[in-house]
């Protein structure tokens, strides 16, 4: 899967991510359509997880 697919309500997904990774802030999780790579980069920087891992995790939420 090469593409981030945010399904449903981003606020719900964001809440789940914040629960799992408490070090993330609102600014880290600001989603702007078309800037998925920036979002993943911010999350990667804070969590140390790979882009592929994060994409899979978000797509499965």
PDB file of N, CA and C in Angstrom:
ATOM      1  N   UNK A   1       0.856  -1.176   0.000  1.00  0.00           N
ATOM      2  CA  UNK A   1       0.000   0.000   0.000  1.00  0.00           C
ATOM      3  C   UNK A   1       0.899   1.236   0.000  1.00  0.00           C
ATOM      4  N   UNK A   2       0.815   2.016  -1.026  1.00  0.00           N
ATOM      5  CA  UNK A   2       1.690   3.169  -1.174  1.00  0.00           C
ATOM      6  C   UNK A   2       1.033   4.476  -0.790  1.00  0.00           C
ATOM      7  N   UNK A   3      -0.209   4.429  -0.428  1.00  0.00           N
ATOM      8  CA  UNK A   3      -0.970   5.654  -0.248  1.00  0.00           C
ATOM      9  C   UNK A   3      -1.695   5.644   1.091  1.00  0.00           C
ATOM     10  N   UNK A   4      -1.685   6.775   1.753  1.00  0.00           N
ATOM     11  CA  UNK A   4      -2.409   6.907   3.008  1.00  0.00           C
ATOM     12  C   UNK A   4      -3.872   7.133   2.692  1.00  0.00           C
ATOM     13  N   UNK A   5      -4.718   6.278   3.248  1.00  0.00           N
ATOM     14  CA  UNK A   5      -6.150   6.389   3.007  1.00  0.00           C
ATOM     15  C   UNK A   5      -6.830   6.659   4.335  1.00  0.00           C
ATOM     16  N   UNK A   6      -7.189   7.905   4.554  1.00  0.00           N
ATOM     17  CA  UNK A   6      -7.857   8.270   5.797  1.00  0.00           C
ATOM     18  C   UNK A   6      -9.341   8.048   5.604  1.00  0.00           C
ATOM     19  N   UNK A   7      -9.839   7.020   6.292  1.00  0.00           N
ATOM     20  CA  UNK A   7     -11.239   6.635   6.163  1.00  0.00           C
ATOM     21  C   UNK A   7     -12.028   7.246   7.304  1.00  0.00           C
ATOM     22  N   UNK A   8     -13.279   7.557   7.024  1.00  0.00           N
ATOM     23  CA  UNK A   8     -14.160   8.051   8.075  1.00  0.00           C
ATOM     24  C   UNK A   8     -13.754   9.412   8.589  1.00  0.00           C
ATOM     25  N   UNK A   9     -13.914   9.574   9.861  1.00  0.00           N
ATOM     26  CA  UNK A   9     -13.710  10.869  10.491  1.00  0.00           C
ATOM     27  C   UNK A   9     -12.284  10.999  11.006  1.00  0.00           C
ATOM     28  N   UNK A  10     -11.535  11.963  10.503  1.00  0.00           N
ATOM     29  CA  UNK A  10     -10.153  12.154  10.907  1.00  0.00           C
ATOM     30  C   UNK A  10     -10.043  12.419  12.403  1.00  0.00           C
ATOM     31  N   UNK A  11     -11.006  13.110  12.990  1.00  0.00           N
ATOM     32  CA  UNK A  11     -10.944  13.398  14.425  1.00  0.00           C
ATOM     33  C   UNK A  11     -10.958  12.126  15.257  1.00  0.00           C
ATOM     34  N   UNK A  12     -11.711  11.136  14.843  1.00  0.00           N
ATOM     35  CA  UNK A  12     -11.727   9.861  15.552  1.00  0.00           C
ATOM     36  C   UNK A  12     -10.391   9.143  15.416  1.00  0.00           C
ATOM     37  N   UNK A  13      -9.853   9.130  14.222  1.00  0.00           N
ATOM     38  CA  UNK A  13      -8.552   8.495  13.981  1.00  0.00           C
ATOM     39  C   UNK A  13      -7.480   9.217  14.785  1.00  0.00           C
ATOM     40  N   UNK A  14      -7.538  10.546  14.762  1.00  0.00           N
ATOM     41  CA  UNK A  14      -6.559  11.352  15.489  1.00  0.00           C
ATOM     42  C   UNK A  14      -6.593  11.024  16.977  1.00  0.00           C
ATOM     43  N   UNK A  15      -7.782  10.860  17.525  1.00  0.00           N
ATOM     44  CA  UNK A  15      -7.927  10.514  18.939  1.00  0.00           C
ATOM     45  C   UNK A  15      -7.272   9.184  19.266  1.00  0.00           C
ATOM     46  N   UNK A  16      -7.456   8.204  18.396  1.00  0.00           N
ATOM     47  CA  UNK A  16      -6.850   6.889  18.597  1.00  0.00           C
ATOM     48  C   UNK A  16      -5.324   6.978  18.541  1.00  0.00           C
ATOM     49  N   UNK A  17      -4.815   7.770  17.604  1.00  0.00           N
ATOM     50  CA  UNK A  17      -3.367   7.929  17.473  1.00  0.00           C
ATOM     51  C   UNK A  17      -2.799   8.609  18.717  1.00  0.00           C
ATOM     52  N   UNK A  18      -3.483   9.641  19.209  1.00  0.00           N
ATOM     53  CA  UNK A  18      -3.020  10.354  20.405  1.00  0.00           C
ATOM     54  C   UNK A  18      -3.023   9.444  21.628  1.00  0.00           C
ATOM     55  N   UNK A  19      -3.994   8.540  21.721  1.00  0.00           N
ATOM     56  CA  UNK A  19      -4.014   7.589  22.832  1.00  0.00           C
ATOM     57  C   UNK A  19      -2.815   6.654  22.765  1.00  0.00           C
ATOM     58  N   UNK A  20      -2.497   6.214  21.573  1.00  0.00           N
ATOM     59  CA  UNK A  20      -1.396   5.263  21.402  1.00  0.00           C
ATOM     60  C   UNK A  20      -0.034   5.936  21.533  1.00  0.00           C
ATOM     61  N   UNK A  21       0.085   7.160  21.018  1.00  0.00           N
ATOM     62  CA  UNK A  21       1.350   7.888  21.028  1.00  0.00           C
ATOM     63  C   UNK A  21       1.132   9.216  21.745  1.00  0.00           C
ATOM     64  N   UNK A  22       1.211   9.197  23.054  1.00  0.00           N
ATOM     65  CA  UNK A  22       0.936  10.365  23.875  1.00  0.00           C
ATOM     66  C   UNK A  22       1.834  11.552  23.619  1.00  0.00           C
ATOM     67  N   UNK A  23       2.981  11.317  22.997  1.00  0.00           N
ATOM     68  CA  UNK A  23       3.918  12.412  22.739  1.00  0.00           C
ATOM     69  C   UNK A  23       3.504  13.305  21.571  1.00  0.00           C
ATOM     70  N   UNK A  24       2.484  12.918  20.830  1.00  0.00           N
ATOM     71  CA  UNK A  24       2.028  13.711  19.689  1.00  0.00           C
ATOM     72  C   UNK A  24       1.104  14.832  20.146  1.00  0.00           C
ATOM     73  N   UNK A  25       1.254  15.990  19.515  1.00  0.00           N
ATOM     74  CA  UNK A  25       0.435  17.154  19.847  1.00  0.00           C
ATOM     75  C   UNK A  25      -0.611  17.379  18.758  1.00  0.00           C
ATOM     76  N   UNK A  26      -1.513  18.319  19.009  1.00  0.00           N
ATOM     77  CA  UNK A  26      -2.517  18.694  17.998  1.00  0.00           C
ATOM     78  C   UNK A  26      -1.827  19.149  16.712  1.00  0.00           C
ATOM     79  N   UNK A  27      -0.754  19.927  16.837  1.00  0.00           N
ATOM     80  CA  UNK A  27      -0.037  20.408  15.655  1.00  0.00           C
ATOM     81  C   UNK A  27       0.572  19.256  14.865  1.00  0.00           C
ATOM     82  N   UNK A  28       1.076  18.242  15.570  1.00  0.00           N
ATOM     83  CA  UNK A  28       1.650  17.082  14.888  1.00  0.00           C
ATOM     84  C   UNK A  28       0.604  16.372  14.049  1.00  0.00           C
ATOM     85  N   UNK A  29      -0.640  16.396  14.504  1.00  0.00           N
ATOM     86  CA  UNK A  29      -1.707  15.635  13.855  1.00  0.00           C
ATOM     87  C   UNK A  29      -2.636  16.488  13.003  1.00  0.00           C
ATOM     88  N   UNK A  30      -2.214  17.687  12.674  1.00  0.00           N
ATOM     89  CA  UNK A  30      -3.013  18.534  11.795  1.00  0.00           C
ATOM     90  C   UNK A  30      -2.986  17.941  10.394  1.00  0.00           C
ATOM     91  N   UNK A  31      -4.167  17.590   9.897  1.00  0.00           N
ATOM     92  CA  UNK A  31      -4.284  16.976   8.578  1.00  0.00           C
ATOM     93  C   UNK A  31      -4.817  17.989   7.580  1.00  0.00           C
ATOM     94  N   UNK A  32      -4.080  18.152   6.496  1.00  0.00           N
ATOM     95  CA  UNK A  32      -4.516  18.999   5.392  1.00  0.00           C
ATOM     96  C   UNK A  32      -4.526  18.123   4.153  1.00  0.00           C
ATOM     97  N   UNK A  33      -5.662  18.080   3.500  1.00  0.00           N
ATOM     98  CA  UNK A  33      -5.806  17.227   2.324  1.00  0.00           C
ATOM     99  C   UNK A  33      -4.693  17.521   1.323  1.00  0.00           C
ATOM    100  N   UNK A  34      -4.083  16.456   0.824  1.00  0.00           N
ATOM    101  CA  UNK A  34      -3.001  16.591  -0.145  1.00  0.00           C
ATOM    102  C   UNK A  34      -1.622  16.683   0.489  1.00  0.00           C
ATOM    103  N   UNK A  35      -1.560  16.765   1.809  1.00  0.00           N
ATOM    104  CA  UNK A  35      -0.264  16.873   2.487  1.00  0.00           C
ATOM    105  C   UNK A  35      -0.047  15.705   3.449  1.00  0.00           C
ATOM    106  N   UNK A  36      -0.420  14.516   2.990  1.00  0.00           N
ATOM    107  CA  UNK A  36      -0.300  13.323   3.810  1.00  0.00           C
ATOM    108  C   UNK A  36       1.145  13.024   4.182  1.00  0.00           C
ATOM    109  N   UNK A  37       2.074  13.285   3.257  1.00  0.00           N
ATOM    110  CA  UNK A  37       3.493  13.016   3.535  1.00  0.00           C
ATOM    111  C   UNK A  37       4.012  13.867   4.687  1.00  0.00           C
ATOM    112  N   UNK A  38       3.576  15.115   4.757  1.00  0.00           N
ATOM    113  CA  UNK A  38       3.979  15.982   5.865  1.00  0.00           C
ATOM    114  C   UNK A  38       3.444  15.451   7.182  1.00  0.00           C
ATOM    115  N   UNK A  39       2.188  15.011   7.183  1.00  0.00           N
ATOM    116  CA  UNK A  39       1.573  14.442   8.376  1.00  0.00           C
ATOM    117  C   UNK A  39       2.367  13.218   8.837  1.00  0.00           C
ATOM    118  N   UNK A  40       2.641  12.315   7.910  1.00  0.00           N
ATOM    119  CA  UNK A  40       3.402  11.112   8.260  1.00  0.00           C
ATOM    120  C   UNK A  40       4.801  11.462   8.753  1.00  0.00           C
ATOM    121  N   UNK A  41       5.419  12.459   8.150  1.00  0.00           N
ATOM    122  CA  UNK A  41       6.756  12.886   8.573  1.00  0.00           C
ATOM    123  C   UNK A  41       6.769  13.382  10.007  1.00  0.00           C
ATOM    124  N   UNK A  42       5.761  14.162  10.374  1.00  0.00           N
ATOM    125  CA  UNK A  42       5.678  14.663  11.751  1.00  0.00           C
ATOM    126  C   UNK A  42       5.483  13.518  12.736  1.00  0.00           C
ATOM    127  N   UNK A  43       4.613  12.574  12.373  1.00  0.00           N
ATOM    128  CA  UNK A  43       4.369  11.435  13.260  1.00  0.00           C
ATOM    129  C   UNK A  43       5.626  10.564  13.352  1.00  0.00           C
ATOM    130  N   UNK A  44       6.285  10.329  12.229  1.00  0.00           N
ATOM    131  CA  UNK A  44       7.527   9.548  12.205  1.00  0.00           C
ATOM    132  C   UNK A  44       8.576  10.154  13.115  1.00  0.00           C
ATOM    133  N   UNK A  45       8.740  11.453  13.014  1.00  0.00           N
ATOM    134  CA  UNK A  45       9.758  12.168  13.791  1.00  0.00           C
ATOM    135  C   UNK A  45       9.559  11.957  15.295  1.00  0.00           C
ATOM    136  N   UNK A  46       8.313  12.002  15.738  1.00  0.00           N
ATOM    137  CA  UNK A  46       8.018  11.881  17.166  1.00  0.00           C
ATOM    138  C   UNK A  46       8.020  10.438  17.656  1.00  0.00           C
ATOM    139  N   UNK A  47       7.592   9.493  16.803  1.00  0.00           N
ATOM    140  CA  UNK A  47       7.425   8.111  17.273  1.00  0.00           C
ATOM    141  C   UNK A  47       8.592   7.201  16.909  1.00  0.00           C
ATOM    142  N   UNK A  48       9.339   7.556  15.869  1.00  0.00           N
ATOM    143  CA  UNK A  48      10.431   6.696  15.420  1.00  0.00           C
ATOM    144  C   UNK A  48       9.961   5.493  14.604  1.00  0.00           C
ATOM    145  N   UNK A  49       8.670   5.457  14.268  1.00  0.00           N
ATOM    146  CA  UNK A  49       8.107   4.350  13.477  1.00  0.00           C
ATOM    147  C   UNK A  49       8.316   4.633  11.995  1.00  0.00           C
ATOM    148  N   UNK A  50       8.360   3.568  11.186  1.00  0.00           N
ATOM    149  CA  UNK A  50       8.554   3.736   9.745  1.00  0.00           C
ATOM    150  C   UNK A  50       7.280   4.269   9.093  1.00  0.00           C
ATOM    151  N   UNK A  51       7.454   4.888   7.949  1.00  0.00           N
ATOM    152  CA  UNK A  51       6.323   5.432   7.196  1.00  0.00           C
ATOM    153  C   UNK A  51       5.353   4.319   6.828  1.00  0.00           C
ATOM    154  N   UNK A  52       5.886   3.176   6.402  1.00  0.00           N
ATOM    155  CA  UNK A  52       5.046   2.058   6.000  1.00  0.00           C
ATOM    156  C   UNK A  52       4.223   1.534   7.184  1.00  0.00           C
ATOM    157  N   UNK A  53       4.846   1.434   8.356  1.00  0.00           N
ATOM    158  CA  UNK A  53       4.151   0.968   9.552  1.00  0.00           C
ATOM    159  C   UNK A  53       3.021   1.919   9.904  1.00  0.00           C
ATOM    160  N   UNK A  54       3.311   3.218   9.891  1.00  0.00           N
ATOM    161  CA  UNK A  54       2.304   4.216  10.246  1.00  0.00           C
ATOM    162  C   UNK A  54       1.153   4.237   9.247  1.00  0.00           C
ATOM    163  N   UNK A  55       1.472   4.121   7.963  1.00  0.00           N
ATOM    164  CA  UNK A  55       0.421   4.102   6.946  1.00  0.00           C
ATOM    165  C   UNK A  55      -0.506   2.923   7.171  1.00  0.00           C
ATOM    166  N   UNK A  56       0.064   1.755   7.439  1.00  0.00           N
ATOM    167  CA  UNK A  56      -0.746   0.557   7.671  1.00  0.00           C
ATOM    168  C   UNK A  56      -1.614   0.751   8.920  1.00  0.00           C
ATOM    169  N   UNK A  57      -1.035   1.284   9.966  1.00  0.00           N
ATOM    170  CA  UNK A  57      -1.752   1.474  11.217  1.00  0.00           C
ATOM    171  C   UNK A  57      -2.914   2.456  11.054  1.00  0.00           C
ATOM    172  N   UNK A  58      -2.669   3.568  10.393  1.00  0.00           N
ATOM    173  CA  UNK A  58      -3.730   4.571  10.186  1.00  0.00           C
ATOM    174  C   UNK A  58      -4.809   4.026   9.260  1.00  0.00           C
ATOM    175  N   UNK A  59      -4.407   3.353   8.208  1.00  0.00           N
ATOM    176  CA  UNK A  59      -5.394   2.805   7.263  1.00  0.00           C
ATOM    177  C   UNK A  59      -6.263   1.742   7.899  1.00  0.00           C
ATOM    178  N   UNK A  60      -5.775   1.093   8.936  1.00  0.00           N
ATOM    179  CA  UNK A  60      -6.556   0.042   9.606  1.00  0.00           C
ATOM    180  C   UNK A  60      -7.419   0.571  10.734  1.00  0.00           C
ATOM    181  N   UNK A  61      -7.362   1.848  11.033  1.00  0.00           N
ATOM    182  CA  UNK A  61      -8.158   2.420  12.136  1.00  0.00           C
ATOM    183  C   UNK A  61      -9.568   2.713  11.661  1.00  0.00           C
TER     184      UNK A  61
END
